[in-house]
Amino acid sequence: MNTFYYVVESLDGDYANLRRTDVESDDLKLVARALLPPEITEGTRLKYEWLQYSIV
């Protein structure tokens, strides 16, 4: 299984915009906040592995 790293760019209601940091990309990924750790804020670094997000 692959591991991906993200940073929370912005929070918009029930969704968060994530930017991938382990590769060069300007694309944002829209993710439901219910899938993310509850204590995230803008700027939080996340790791996605085995279908789960965790704070780095």
Protein backbone atom coordinates (compact mmCIF):
# COMPACT_ATOMS: atom_id res chain seq x y z
CA MET A 1 0.00 0.00 0.00
CA ASN A 2 1.29 3.47 -0.83
CA THR A 3 1.82 6.31 1.64
CA PHE A 4 0.94 9.90 0.74
CA TYR A 5 1.59 13.14 2.62
CA TYR A 6 -0.72 16.15 2.63
CA VAL A 7 -1.11 19.54 4.24
CA VAL A 8 -4.51 21.05 5.05
CA GLU A 9 -4.76 24.15 2.86
CA SER A 10 -8.22 25.26 3.97
CA LEU A 11 -11.32 24.13 5.81
CA ASP A 12 -14.71 24.70 4.20
CA GLY A 13 -17.62 23.53 6.35
CA ASP A 14 -17.70 19.74 6.32
CA TYR A 15 -14.79 19.50 3.88
CA ALA A 16 -11.05 20.12 3.84
CA ASN A 17 -8.84 21.00 0.89
CA LEU A 18 -5.62 18.99 1.00
CA ARG A 19 -2.45 19.62 -1.01
CA ARG A 20 -0.06 16.76 -1.57
CA THR A 21 3.45 17.49 -0.30
CA ASP A 22 5.44 14.40 -1.28
CA VAL A 23 5.27 15.30 -5.02
CA GLU A 24 5.16 18.60 -6.91
CA SER A 25 1.48 19.42 -7.37
CA ASP A 26 -0.78 22.45 -7.22
CA ASP A 27 -3.94 20.31 -7.27
CA LEU A 28 -6.14 20.24 -4.20
CA LYS A 29 -8.01 17.18 -2.98
CA LEU A 30 -11.43 17.75 -1.41
CA VAL A 31 -11.95 15.36 1.53
CA ALA A 32 -14.87 15.07 3.96
CA ARG A 33 -13.78 16.15 7.44
CA ALA A 34 -15.46 13.04 8.87
CA LEU A 35 -12.58 11.03 7.34
CA LEU A 36 -9.91 13.20 8.97
CA PRO A 37 -8.72 13.44 12.58
CA PRO A 38 -11.05 15.83 14.48
CA GLU A 39 -8.25 18.11 15.75
CA ILE A 40 -7.04 19.26 12.29
CA THR A 41 -6.61 22.95 11.51
CA GLU A 42 -5.27 24.80 8.49
CA GLY A 43 -1.60 23.90 8.07
CA THR A 44 -1.87 20.48 9.73
CA ARG A 45 0.34 17.86 8.07
CA LEU A 46 -1.31 14.51 7.39
CA LYS A 47 -0.19 11.05 6.34
CA TYR A 48 -2.53 8.84 4.31
CA GLU A 49 -1.78 5.15 4.66
CA TRP A 50 -3.96 2.03 4.63
CA LEU A 51 -7.09 4.11 3.89
CA GLN A 52 -6.62 6.27 7.01
CA TYR A 53 -5.42 9.82 7.63
CA SER A 54 -3.23 10.53 10.65
CA ILE A 55 -1.47 13.68 11.89
CA VAL A 56 2.28 13.77 11.35
